[in-house]
Amino acid sequence: MKKTVVLSLVALSSIVLASCGNPESKEGSTKPSQSSTSKYTEEKKDETSGDFVKTAKDTTFDGKMLKGNSYSVKITNTKVIQPGEAGNEYGDKPVIAFWYDTIVSPDYKDDIAINPNTSWITNFKAVQDNDPNKVNELRVASLPDSQYLESQIAEIKPGGTVSNATAYELTDNETPVTLIAKSIIGTEYGKADFPLK
């Protein structure tokens, strides 16, 4: 009898230990298995694969999206905001505002943090070609959308997307704004004109 009880306890403890070692055998477990984690990563890659280029030298800007290999910037809206209007409450000049998403590649592994503000400022300059003698590069204005006050410098995770907005002070109300995408060393990726009306 004692021998049967001991053997039963040994068998029961073996079954319990075996089920603890296999997370898929636990019903209702919230911890994803390795295969489901990699499946999620693959799905994320599939969703964003068209948003990136293979290497930095392939970077392009088509007027709507700057496609890079580490991150991309997608313009979602533009608007001219007059002084005193929401988004330009404190300025005395009209501004052109750009709303955009910064999308970080799921494969991004560098130690340099990417945030929405830097992704825009390091890649774009805005120009109004209304001076016969010099390039009229526009000055960055204050943040045109207060909902991004905290998130504009947030670190974006690999595979993540964070929205933001940037504005530039206009020097006249007629001349289109040319947005030029360039690398830090001056390589031009493309440019596009944005009419003010």
C-alpha atoms as a PDB file:
ATOM      1  CA  MET A   1       0.000   0.000   0.000  1.00  0.00           C
ATOM      2  CA  LYS A   2       2.769   2.442   1.001  1.00  0.00           C
ATOM      3  CA  LYS A   3       4.648   1.520  -2.160  1.00  0.00           C
ATOM      4  CA  THR A   4       1.573   2.288  -4.321  1.00  0.00           C
ATOM      5  CA  VAL A   5       1.042   5.696  -2.644  1.00  0.00           C
ATOM      6  CA  VAL A   6       4.709   6.626  -3.090  1.00  0.00           C
ATOM      7  CA  LEU A   7       4.682   5.551  -6.756  1.00  0.00           C
ATOM      8  CA  SER A   8       1.454   7.505  -7.314  1.00  0.00           C
ATOM      9  CA  LEU A   9       2.994  10.646  -5.760  1.00  0.00           C
ATOM     10  CA  VAL A  10       6.146  10.283  -7.899  1.00  0.00           C
ATOM     11  CA  ALA A  11       4.031   9.880 -11.040  1.00  0.00           C
ATOM     12  CA  LEU A  12       1.835  12.888 -10.106  1.00  0.00           C
ATOM     13  CA  SER A  13       4.828  15.134  -9.374  1.00  0.00           C
ATOM     14  CA  SER A  14       6.380  14.120 -12.728  1.00  0.00           C
ATOM     15  CA  ILE A  15       3.200  15.155 -14.553  1.00  0.00           C
ATOM     16  CA  VAL A  16       3.026  18.501 -12.666  1.00  0.00           C
ATOM     17  CA  LEU A  17       6.712  19.276 -13.394  1.00  0.00           C
ATOM     18  CA  ALA A  18       6.298  18.321 -17.040  1.00  0.00           C
ATOM     19  CA  SER A  19       3.319  20.672 -17.454  1.00  0.00           C
ATOM     20  CA  CYS A  20       5.223  23.553 -15.748  1.00  0.00           C
ATOM     21  CA  GLY A  21       8.053  23.126 -18.217  1.00  0.00           C
ATOM     22  CA  ASN A  22       5.728  23.448 -21.211  1.00  0.00           C
ATOM     23  CA  PRO A  23       3.852  26.776 -21.300  1.00  0.00           C
ATOM     24  CA  GLU A  24       1.579  25.594 -24.110  1.00  0.00           C
ATOM     25  CA  SER A  25       0.099  22.875 -21.877  1.00  0.00           C
ATOM     26  CA  LYS A  26      -1.088  25.454 -19.327  1.00  0.00           C
ATOM     27  CA  GLU A  27      -4.604  26.535 -20.095  1.00  0.00           C
ATOM     28  CA  GLY A  28      -5.197  30.304 -20.040  1.00  0.00           C
ATOM     29  CA  SER A  29      -1.496  31.184 -19.944  1.00  0.00           C
ATOM     30  CA  THR A  30      -0.882  34.760 -21.085  1.00  0.00           C
ATOM     31  CA  LYS A  31       2.801  34.278 -21.858  1.00  0.00           C
ATOM     32  CA  PRO A  32       3.245  33.885 -25.627  1.00  0.00           C
ATOM     33  CA  SER A  33       5.265  30.956 -26.878  1.00  0.00           C
ATOM     34  CA  GLN A  34       8.420  31.638 -28.847  1.00  0.00           C
ATOM     35  CA  SER A  35       6.667  30.742 -32.081  1.00  0.00           C
ATOM     36  CA  SER A  36       3.797  33.194 -31.454  1.00  0.00           C
ATOM     37  CA  THR A  37       6.270  35.975 -30.575  1.00  0.00           C
ATOM     38  CA  SER A  38       8.192  35.474 -33.805  1.00  0.00           C
ATOM     39  CA  LYS A  39       4.878  35.273 -35.708  1.00  0.00           C
ATOM     40  CA  TYR A  40       3.926  38.719 -34.297  1.00  0.00           C
ATOM     41  CA  THR A  41       7.327  40.125 -35.333  1.00  0.00           C
ATOM     42  CA  GLU A  42       6.921  38.678 -38.836  1.00  0.00           C
ATOM     43  CA  GLU A  43       3.417  40.177 -39.149  1.00  0.00           C
ATOM     44  CA  LYS A  44       4.763  43.582 -38.044  1.00  0.00           C
ATOM     45  CA  LYS A  45       7.544  43.326 -40.651  1.00  0.00           C
ATOM     46  CA  ASP A  46       5.028  42.413 -43.362  1.00  0.00           C
ATOM     47  CA  GLU A  47       2.831  45.419 -42.470  1.00  0.00           C
ATOM     48  CA  THR A  48       5.705  47.914 -42.729  1.00  0.00           C
ATOM     49  CA  SER A  49       7.976  46.291 -45.333  1.00  0.00           C
ATOM     50  CA  GLY A  50       6.862  48.725 -48.058  1.00  0.00           C
ATOM     51  CA  ASP A  51       7.701  51.708 -45.829  1.00  0.00           C
ATOM     52  CA  PHE A  52      11.484  51.218 -46.002  1.00  0.00           C
ATOM     53  CA  VAL A  53      14.355  50.923 -48.472  1.00  0.00           C
ATOM     54  CA  LYS A  54      17.224  48.417 -48.219  1.00  0.00           C
ATOM     55  CA  THR A  55      20.131  50.804 -47.646  1.00  0.00           C
ATOM     56  CA  ALA A  56      20.583  54.458 -46.684  1.00  0.00           C
ATOM     57  CA  LYS A  57      21.802  55.330 -50.200  1.00  0.00           C
ATOM     58  CA  ASP A  58      18.393  54.215 -51.569  1.00  0.00           C
ATOM     59  CA  THR A  59      16.500  56.810 -49.462  1.00  0.00           C
ATOM     60  CA  THR A  60      13.824  58.734 -51.401  1.00  0.00           C
ATOM     61  CA  PHE A  61      11.270  61.495 -50.841  1.00  0.00           C
ATOM     62  CA  ASP A  62       8.212  61.699 -53.108  1.00  0.00           C
ATOM     63  CA  GLY A  63       6.457  64.623 -51.419  1.00  0.00           C
ATOM     64  CA  LYS A  64       4.391  62.381 -49.166  1.00  0.00           C
ATOM     65  CA  MET A  65       6.921  60.033 -47.624  1.00  0.00           C
ATOM     66  CA  LEU A  66      10.625  60.016 -46.880  1.00  0.00           C
ATOM     67  CA  LYS A  67      11.571  56.326 -47.144  1.00  0.00           C
ATOM     68  CA  GLY A  68      14.737  55.383 -45.285  1.00  0.00           C
ATOM     69  CA  ASN A  69      16.242  52.096 -44.173  1.00  0.00           C
ATOM     70  CA  SER A  70      16.187  52.773 -40.394  1.00  0.00           C
ATOM     71  CA  TYR A  71      13.072  54.926 -40.253  1.00  0.00           C
ATOM     72  CA  SER A  72      10.655  56.670 -42.570  1.00  0.00           C
ATOM     73  CA  VAL A  73       8.616  59.873 -42.250  1.00  0.00           C
ATOM     74  CA  LYS A  74       5.102  59.989 -43.698  1.00  0.00           C
ATOM     75  CA  ILE A  75       3.362  63.388 -44.088  1.00  0.00           C
ATOM     76  CA  THR A  76      -0.279  63.008 -43.096  1.00  0.00           C
ATOM     77  CA  ASN A  77      -1.537  66.612 -43.317  1.00  0.00           C
ATOM     78  CA  THR A  78      -0.498  70.202 -44.064  1.00  0.00           C
ATOM     79  CA  LYS A  79      -2.180  73.473 -43.181  1.00  0.00           C
ATOM     80  CA  VAL A  80      -1.485  77.203 -43.211  1.00  0.00           C
ATOM     81  CA  ILE A  81      -2.266  78.685 -39.784  1.00  0.00           C
ATOM     82  CA  GLN A  82      -2.764  82.442 -39.427  1.00  0.00           C
ATOM     83  CA  PRO A  83      -1.540  84.383 -36.353  1.00  0.00           C
ATOM     84  CA  GLY A  84      -3.917  83.997 -33.412  1.00  0.00           C
ATOM     85  CA  GLU A  85      -5.443  80.740 -34.696  1.00  0.00           C
ATOM     86  CA  ALA A  86      -5.073  77.446 -32.822  1.00  0.00           C
ATOM     87  CA  GLY A  87      -1.541  76.206 -33.377  1.00  0.00           C
ATOM     88  CA  ASN A  88      -0.190  79.719 -33.973  1.00  0.00           C
ATOM     89  CA  GLU A  89      -1.546  81.569 -30.930  1.00  0.00           C
ATOM     90  CA  TYR A  90       1.716  83.360 -30.092  1.00  0.00           C
ATOM     91  CA  GLY A  91       3.212  84.046 -33.516  1.00  0.00           C
ATOM     92  CA  ASP A  92       2.893  87.258 -35.490  1.00  0.00           C
ATOM     93  CA  LYS A  93       3.444  85.589 -38.889  1.00  0.00           C
ATOM     94  CA  PRO A  94       1.425  82.888 -40.647  1.00  0.00           C
ATOM     95  CA  VAL A  95       2.955  79.414 -40.529  1.00  0.00           C
ATOM     96  CA  ILE A  96       2.753  76.275 -42.605  1.00  0.00           C
ATOM     97  CA  ALA A  97       2.340  73.183 -40.437  1.00  0.00           C
ATOM     98  CA  PHE A  98       3.142  69.587 -41.363  1.00  0.00           C
ATOM     99  CA  TRP A  99       1.681  66.637 -39.485  1.00  0.00           C
ATOM    100  CA  TYR A 100       3.585  63.387 -39.894  1.00  0.00           C
ATOM    101  CA  ASP A 101       4.280  59.883 -38.618  1.00  0.00           C
ATOM    102  CA  THR A 102       7.780  58.605 -37.909  1.00  0.00           C
ATOM    103  CA  ILE A 103       7.908  54.849 -38.529  1.00  0.00           C
ATOM    104  CA  VAL A 104      10.917  52.913 -37.223  1.00  0.00           C
ATOM    105  CA  SER A 105      11.971  49.732 -38.987  1.00  0.00           C
ATOM    106  CA  PRO A 106      11.298  46.506 -37.034  1.00  0.00           C
ATOM    107  CA  ASP A 107      14.918  45.568 -37.866  1.00  0.00           C
ATOM    108  CA  TYR A 108      16.395  48.735 -36.303  1.00  0.00           C
ATOM    109  CA  LYS A 109      19.154  47.750 -33.868  1.00  0.00           C
ATOM    110  CA  ASP A 110      21.392  50.842 -33.490  1.00  0.00           C
ATOM    111  CA  ASP A 111      21.956  52.447 -30.094  1.00  0.00           C
ATOM    112  CA  ILE A 112      20.931  55.880 -31.385  1.00  0.00           C
ATOM    113  CA  ALA A 113      17.400  56.671 -30.216  1.00  0.00           C
ATOM    114  CA  ILE A 114      14.950  57.907 -32.857  1.00  0.00           C
ATOM    115  CA  ASN A 115      12.279  60.447 -31.912  1.00  0.00           C
ATOM    116  CA  PRO A 116       9.728  62.280 -34.083  1.00  0.00           C
ATOM    117  CA  ASN A 117      11.224  65.743 -33.636  1.00  0.00           C
ATOM    118  CA  THR A 118      14.761  64.747 -34.646  1.00  0.00           C
ATOM    119  CA  SER A 119      13.560  62.577 -37.527  1.00  0.00           C
ATOM    120  CA  TRP A 120      12.022  65.684 -39.116  1.00  0.00           C
ATOM    121  CA  ILE A 121      14.565  68.383 -38.235  1.00  0.00           C
ATOM    122  CA  THR A 122      17.591  66.372 -39.414  1.00  0.00           C
ATOM    123  CA  ASN A 123      16.019  65.511 -42.776  1.00  0.00           C
ATOM    124  CA  PHE A 124      13.904  68.449 -43.934  1.00  0.00           C
ATOM    125  CA  LYS A 125      14.254  72.132 -44.684  1.00  0.00           C
ATOM    126  CA  ALA A 126      11.520  74.433 -45.949  1.00  0.00           C
ATOM    127  CA  VAL A 127      12.162  77.186 -48.484  1.00  0.00           C
ATOM    128  CA  GLN A 128      10.057  79.954 -50.044  1.00  0.00           C
ATOM    129  CA  ASP A 129      11.667  81.008 -53.310  1.00  0.00           C
ATOM    130  CA  ASN A 130      10.714  84.678 -53.088  1.00  0.00           C
ATOM    131  CA  ASP A 131      14.140  86.316 -52.903  1.00  0.00           C
ATOM    132  CA  PRO A 132      16.107  86.927 -56.134  1.00  0.00           C
ATOM    133  CA  ASN A 133      19.455  86.962 -54.304  1.00  0.00           C
ATOM    134  CA  LYS A 134      19.443  84.233 -51.705  1.00  0.00           C
ATOM    135  CA  VAL A 135      17.857  80.982 -50.640  1.00  0.00           C
ATOM    136  CA  ASN A 136      15.030  81.884 -48.276  1.00  0.00           C
ATOM    137  CA  GLU A 137      15.107  79.021 -45.788  1.00  0.00           C
ATOM    138  CA  LEU A 138      12.161  79.286 -43.390  1.00  0.00           C
ATOM    139  CA  ARG A 139      12.540  79.401 -39.626  1.00  0.00           C
ATOM    140  CA  VAL A 140      10.997  76.659 -37.507  1.00  0.00           C
ATOM    141  CA  ALA A 141       8.004  77.991 -35.550  1.00  0.00           C
ATOM    142  CA  SER A 142       6.580  76.748 -32.264  1.00  0.00           C
ATOM    143  CA  LEU A 143       4.804  73.379 -32.073  1.00  0.00           C
ATOM    144  CA  PRO A 144       1.497  73.755 -34.005  1.00  0.00           C
ATOM    145  CA  ASP A 145      -0.344  70.964 -32.186  1.00  0.00           C
ATOM    146  CA  SER A 146      -0.196  70.784 -28.375  1.00  0.00           C
ATOM    147  CA  GLN A 147      -1.207  67.105 -28.268  1.00  0.00           C
ATOM    148  CA  TYR A 148       2.413  66.292 -29.235  1.00  0.00           C
ATOM    149  CA  LEU A 149       4.049  68.339 -26.474  1.00  0.00           C
ATOM    150  CA  GLU A 150       5.193  65.233 -24.595  1.00  0.00           C
ATOM    151  CA  SER A 151       5.556  62.727 -27.429  1.00  0.00           C
ATOM    152  CA  GLN A 152       7.628  64.884 -29.815  1.00  0.00           C
ATOM    153  CA  ILE A 153      10.854  63.714 -28.168  1.00  0.00           C
ATOM    154  CA  ALA A 154       9.692  60.207 -27.207  1.00  0.00           C
ATOM    155  CA  GLU A 155      12.004  57.341 -28.158  1.00  0.00           C
ATOM    156  CA  ILE A 156      10.327  55.170 -30.785  1.00  0.00           C
ATOM    157  CA  LYS A 157      10.669  51.397 -30.459  1.00  0.00           C
ATOM    158  CA  PRO A 158      11.715  49.232 -33.417  1.00  0.00           C
ATOM    159  CA  GLY A 159       8.536  48.608 -35.413  1.00  0.00           C
ATOM    160  CA  GLY A 160       6.794  51.557 -33.709  1.00  0.00           C
ATOM    161  CA  THR A 161       5.108  54.658 -35.119  1.00  0.00           C
ATOM    162  CA  VAL A 162       4.771  58.025 -33.357  1.00  0.00           C
ATOM    163  CA  SER A 163       3.008  61.110 -34.734  1.00  0.00           C
ATOM    164  CA  ASN A 164       4.128  64.726 -34.479  1.00  0.00           C
ATOM    165  CA  ALA A 165       3.833  68.137 -36.159  1.00  0.00           C
ATOM    166  CA  THR A 166       6.300  70.853 -37.191  1.00  0.00           C
ATOM    167  CA  ALA A 167       5.653  74.392 -38.458  1.00  0.00           C
ATOM    168  CA  TYR A 168       7.626  77.060 -40.335  1.00  0.00           C
ATOM    169  CA  GLU A 169       7.147  80.845 -40.359  1.00  0.00           C
ATOM    170  CA  LEU A 170       6.082  82.069 -43.801  1.00  0.00           C
ATOM    171  CA  THR A 171       7.660  85.170 -45.326  1.00  0.00           C
ATOM    172  CA  ASP A 172       4.705  85.771 -47.678  1.00  0.00           C
ATOM    173  CA  ASN A 173       1.223  84.376 -48.273  1.00  0.00           C
ATOM    174  CA  GLU A 174       1.604  83.528 -51.966  1.00  0.00           C
ATOM    175  CA  THR A 175       4.855  81.715 -52.739  1.00  0.00           C
ATOM    176  CA  PRO A 176       4.599  77.911 -52.396  1.00  0.00           C
ATOM    177  CA  VAL A 177       6.773  76.261 -49.771  1.00  0.00           C
ATOM    178  CA  THR A 178       9.325  73.822 -51.123  1.00  0.00           C
ATOM    179  CA  LEU A 179      10.092  71.037 -48.690  1.00  0.00           C
ATOM    180  CA  ILE A 180      13.533  69.577 -49.351  1.00  0.00           C
ATOM    181  CA  ALA A 181      14.618  66.236 -47.897  1.00  0.00           C
ATOM    182  CA  LYS A 182      18.388  65.969 -47.404  1.00  0.00           C
ATOM    183  CA  SER A 183      20.892  63.966 -45.426  1.00  0.00           C
ATOM    184  CA  ILE A 184      23.101  65.646 -42.828  1.00  0.00           C
ATOM    185  CA  ILE A 185      25.965  65.589 -45.336  1.00  0.00           C
ATOM    186  CA  GLY A 186      23.828  67.249 -48.023  1.00  0.00           C
ATOM    187  CA  THR A 187      22.643  64.364 -50.218  1.00  0.00           C
ATOM    188  CA  GLU A 188      19.232  65.366 -51.586  1.00  0.00           C
ATOM    189  CA  TYR A 189      16.523  62.683 -51.430  1.00  0.00           C
ATOM    190  CA  GLY A 190      13.827  64.713 -53.173  1.00  0.00           C
ATOM    191  CA  LYS A 191      11.677  67.816 -52.836  1.00  0.00           C
ATOM    192  CA  ALA A 192       8.063  68.871 -53.230  1.00  0.00           C
ATOM    193  CA  ASP A 193       6.116  72.128 -53.461  1.00  0.00           C
ATOM    194  CA  PHE A 194       3.228  72.856 -51.120  1.00  0.00           C
ATOM    195  CA  PRO A 195       0.873  75.638 -52.315  1.00  0.00           C
ATOM    196  CA  LEU A 196      -0.381  78.007 -49.630  1.00  0.00           C
ATOM    197  CA  LYS A 197      -3.947  78.157 -50.978  1.00  0.00           C
END
